[in-house]
Amino acid sequence: MTRNSETSGELVSVFGGGSGRRKLSPLQLRLRLAAAVLLLLNLAALYLYFSPPGGTREDLKLESVQVRTQILAAQTQAAKMRALASNVQAGSSEAADFTTKYFLPKRAAYVAALEEIQRMAKASGIQERDAGLSEEPIEGTADLTLLNITANYQGTNADLMKFLYEADHSPMLLILDALTAAPQQRNNVINTAIHFQVIVREPAMLEGLRQ
């Protein structure tokens, strides 16, 4: 038998099956076990590198961008809601202030309106002849009414212009609804009828504004 044949026989006896298989020493067994464990760890690391549990690096970057975009959108929406709430509150406060300032309480409306008209007539030099008052509800509201004041005056054209100037700059909300003027033949005198309107609020509305 040749040497090559002997060598082949040894290899068969080592790796082949059966009773002719050579037993490994404890050191060889530990080395093979360590090699197998390292191989498994390398395979696991390679798998996690190419297919990580949370997604690839590109997937994580895309998800991060989406999350930041959603957060920015939520912050923008929250800012808009805060601004809207602030505007509503400011508008409600301004409406309440306007109502309190310009809508006369009913118990004082008649006296206050007549006193203001008399003040304007005295300041402009026009002569008041007579006046009439009436009241009517405002449609669509439960607590507001219109106080109608029709007053007749006599004076010159300059007096009338001054009176209208006083009405325009009055601290009271006097609505000039109608005006008629009839010139007279003497001394450039003009007879004028002016219809004012004043908004009056009922006590129920006053209680609602305080709440």
Protein backbone atom coordinates (compact mmCIF):
# COMPACT_ATOMS: atom_id res chain seq x y z
CA MET A 1 0.00 0.00 0.00
CA THR A 2 1.31 3.44 -0.92
CA ARG A 3 1.72 6.41 1.41
CA ASN A 4 -1.12 8.31 -0.31
CA SER A 5 -3.43 5.41 0.30
CA GLU A 6 -2.49 5.45 3.97
CA THR A 7 -3.14 9.18 4.22
CA SER A 8 -6.56 8.84 2.55
CA GLY A 9 -7.41 6.08 4.93
CA GLU A 10 -6.58 8.27 7.90
CA LEU A 11 -8.77 11.09 6.60
CA VAL A 12 -11.66 8.72 6.09
CA SER A 13 -11.18 7.37 9.57
CA VAL A 14 -11.24 10.89 11.03
CA PHE A 15 -14.23 12.40 9.13
CA GLY A 16 -16.09 9.25 8.21
CA GLY A 17 -18.81 7.67 10.28
CA GLY A 18 -18.90 4.44 12.08
CA SER A 19 -16.68 3.01 14.72
CA GLY A 20 -13.58 4.11 12.88
CA ARG A 21 -14.22 7.83 13.67
CA ARG A 22 -11.43 9.41 15.73
CA LYS A 23 -12.45 10.92 19.04
CA LEU A 24 -11.68 14.63 19.57
CA SER A 25 -9.89 15.88 22.59
CA PRO A 26 -11.68 18.25 25.04
CA LEU A 27 -9.57 21.15 23.79
CA GLN A 28 -10.58 20.48 20.20
CA LEU A 29 -14.24 20.26 21.23
CA ARG A 30 -14.01 23.64 22.99
CA LEU A 31 -12.31 25.21 19.99
CA ARG A 32 -14.94 23.89 17.63
CA LEU A 33 -17.72 25.06 19.96
CA ALA A 34 -16.15 28.50 20.21
CA ALA A 35 -15.84 28.67 16.43
CA ALA A 36 -19.49 27.71 16.03
CA VAL A 37 -20.58 30.36 18.55
CA LEU A 38 -18.47 33.02 16.81
CA LEU A 39 -19.98 32.01 13.50
CA LEU A 40 -23.51 32.36 14.89
CA LEU A 41 -22.66 35.73 16.42
CA ASN A 42 -21.21 36.98 13.16
CA LEU A 43 -24.27 35.81 11.27
CA ALA A 44 -26.55 37.56 13.80
CA ALA A 45 -24.51 40.76 13.58
CA LEU A 46 -24.60 40.63 9.80
CA TYR A 47 -28.38 40.17 9.86
CA LEU A 48 -28.88 43.07 12.29
CA TYR A 49 -26.66 45.29 10.16
CA PHE A 50 -28.58 44.70 6.94
CA SER A 51 -32.01 44.32 8.52
CA PRO A 52 -32.17 46.02 11.95
CA PRO A 53 -35.37 45.51 14.02
CA GLY A 54 -36.37 49.19 13.86
CA GLY A 55 -35.72 49.50 10.16
CA THR A 56 -32.78 50.56 8.10
CA ARG A 57 -30.91 53.80 8.65
CA GLU A 58 -32.77 55.39 5.76
CA ASP A 59 -36.11 54.21 7.22
CA LEU A 60 -35.23 55.71 10.58
CA LYS A 61 -34.22 59.01 8.98
CA LEU A 62 -37.51 59.15 7.04
CA GLU A 63 -39.51 58.31 10.14
CA SER A 64 -37.66 61.02 12.10
CA VAL A 65 -38.49 63.60 9.43
CA GLN A 66 -42.15 62.56 9.47
CA VAL A 67 -42.31 62.81 13.26
CA ARG A 68 -40.72 66.27 13.25
CA THR A 69 -43.17 67.36 10.55
CA GLN A 70 -46.12 66.11 12.60
CA ILE A 71 -44.83 67.86 15.71
CA LEU A 72 -44.38 71.13 13.79
CA ALA A 73 -47.90 70.85 12.35
CA ALA A 74 -49.34 70.20 15.81
CA GLN A 75 -47.46 73.18 17.26
CA THR A 76 -48.68 75.41 14.41
CA GLN A 77 -52.27 74.27 14.93
CA ALA A 78 -52.01 74.85 18.67
CA ALA A 79 -50.67 78.37 18.05
CA LYS A 80 -53.56 79.10 15.69
CA MET A 81 -56.06 77.85 18.26
CA ARG A 82 -54.50 80.02 20.96
CA ALA A 83 -54.60 83.05 18.66
CA LEU A 84 -58.23 82.33 17.74
CA ALA A 85 -59.22 81.96 21.39
CA SER A 86 -57.44 85.22 22.19
CA ASN A 87 -59.20 87.02 19.31
CA VAL A 88 -62.58 85.66 20.38
CA GLN A 89 -61.97 86.76 23.95
CA ALA A 90 -60.79 90.19 22.81
CA GLY A 91 -63.77 90.53 20.46
CA SER A 92 -66.18 89.55 23.20
CA SER A 93 -64.58 92.03 25.58
CA GLU A 94 -64.66 94.81 22.98
CA ALA A 95 -68.31 94.06 22.15
CA ALA A 96 -69.20 94.20 25.84
CA ASP A 97 -67.32 97.50 26.23
CA PHE A 98 -69.03 98.97 23.15
CA THR A 99 -72.44 97.87 24.38
CA THR A 100 -71.85 99.27 27.85
CA LYS A 101 -70.58 102.58 26.48
CA TYR A 102 -73.02 103.29 23.67
CA PHE A 103 -76.23 101.36 24.45
CA LEU A 104 -78.10 103.40 27.05
CA PRO A 105 -79.77 101.66 29.99
CA LYS A 106 -83.50 102.06 29.72
CA ARG A 107 -84.01 103.77 33.08
CA ALA A 108 -81.70 106.63 32.03
CA ALA A 109 -82.06 106.65 28.23
CA TYR A 110 -84.83 109.26 27.89
CA VAL A 111 -83.25 111.87 30.14
CA ALA A 112 -79.70 111.30 28.81
CA ALA A 113 -80.75 111.52 25.16
CA LEU A 114 -82.81 114.70 25.62
CA GLU A 115 -80.07 116.37 27.66
CA GLU A 116 -77.47 115.59 24.96
CA ILE A 117 -79.68 116.97 22.17
CA GLN A 118 -80.34 120.13 24.18
CA ARG A 119 -76.60 120.51 24.78
CA MET A 120 -75.90 120.25 21.02
CA ALA A 121 -78.61 122.82 20.25
CA LYS A 122 -77.19 125.29 22.80
CA ALA A 123 -73.61 124.78 21.56
CA SER A 124 -74.61 125.40 17.92
CA GLY A 125 -76.98 128.33 18.56
CA ILE A 126 -79.96 126.66 16.89
CA GLN A 127 -83.36 127.03 18.59
CA GLU A 128 -85.28 123.91 19.56
CA ARG A 129 -89.03 124.28 19.10
CA ASP A 130 -90.50 120.93 20.17
CA ALA A 131 -89.61 117.23 20.33
CA GLY A 132 -91.39 113.86 20.40
CA LEU A 133 -90.32 110.45 21.70
CA SER A 134 -91.35 106.93 20.75
CA GLU A 135 -89.98 103.46 21.31
CA GLU A 136 -89.90 100.33 19.14
CA PRO A 137 -88.31 96.88 19.51
CA ILE A 138 -85.33 95.82 17.41
CA GLU A 139 -86.14 92.67 15.47
CA GLY A 140 -84.02 89.65 16.29
CA THR A 141 -83.09 90.86 19.78
CA ALA A 142 -84.81 90.34 23.10
CA ASP A 143 -83.11 93.06 25.15
CA LEU A 144 -82.63 95.98 22.72
CA THR A 145 -85.07 98.67 21.66
CA LEU A 146 -84.87 101.84 19.57
CA LEU A 147 -85.66 105.19 21.11
CA ASN A 148 -86.92 107.51 18.34
CA ILE A 149 -86.54 111.25 18.90
CA THR A 150 -88.02 113.73 16.42
CA ALA A 151 -87.09 117.34 17.14
CA ASN A 152 -87.90 120.55 15.25
CA TYR A 153 -85.39 123.38 15.08
CA GLN A 154 -85.11 126.87 13.68
CA GLY A 155 -81.93 128.73 12.81
CA THR A 156 -79.61 129.76 10.06
CA ASN A 157 -77.76 127.41 7.73
CA ALA A 158 -74.57 128.01 9.75
CA ASP A 159 -76.42 127.05 12.95
CA LEU A 160 -77.62 123.83 11.35
CA MET A 161 -74.10 122.94 10.18
CA LYS A 162 -72.77 123.50 13.71
CA PHE A 163 -75.57 121.35 15.13
CA LEU A 164 -74.76 118.50 12.74
CA TYR A 165 -71.09 118.83 13.66
CA GLU A 166 -71.97 118.51 17.34
CA ALA A 167 -74.12 115.44 16.58
CA ASP A 168 -71.27 113.82 14.66
CA HIS A 169 -68.83 114.38 17.54
CA SER A 170 -71.22 113.53 20.34
CA PRO A 171 -69.96 111.03 22.94
CA MET A 172 -73.38 109.42 22.74
CA LEU A 173 -74.34 107.10 19.89
CA LEU A 174 -76.97 109.28 18.19
CA ILE A 175 -78.12 107.82 14.89
CA LEU A 176 -79.30 110.56 12.53
CA ASP A 177 -82.06 108.72 10.70
CA ALA A 178 -83.69 111.55 8.73
CA LEU A 179 -83.44 115.31 8.19
CA THR A 180 -85.76 117.72 6.40
CA ALA A 181 -85.12 121.45 5.99
CA ALA A 182 -87.46 124.20 4.75
CA PRO A 183 -85.91 127.67 4.08
CA GLN A 184 -87.98 130.66 5.20
CA GLN A 185 -88.27 133.96 3.39
CA ARG A 186 -86.98 136.08 6.27
CA ASN A 187 -83.47 136.44 7.63
CA ASN A 188 -82.20 133.23 5.99
CA VAL A 189 -83.97 131.17 8.65
CA ILE A 190 -84.38 127.43 8.12
CA ASN A 191 -86.97 125.23 9.81
CA THR A 192 -85.50 121.78 10.31
CA ALA A 193 -86.95 118.48 11.49
CA ILE A 194 -84.39 115.90 12.59
CA HIS A 195 -85.10 112.29 13.50
CA PHE A 196 -82.58 110.70 15.87
CA GLN A 197 -82.43 107.10 17.08
CA VAL A 198 -80.79 105.80 20.24
CA ILE A 199 -80.26 102.12 21.11
CA VAL A 200 -81.59 101.22 24.53
CA ARG A 201 -80.71 98.08 26.44
CA GLU A 202 -82.99 96.34 28.90
CA PRO A 203 -81.97 95.40 32.47
CA ALA A 204 -81.74 91.70 31.46
CA MET A 205 -78.91 92.55 29.08
CA LEU A 206 -77.08 94.45 31.79
CA GLU A 207 -77.13 91.39 34.03
CA GLY A 208 -75.81 89.24 31.17
CA LEU A 209 -72.87 91.60 30.60
CA ARG A 210 -71.85 91.44 34.25
CA GLN A 211 -71.69 87.62 34.21
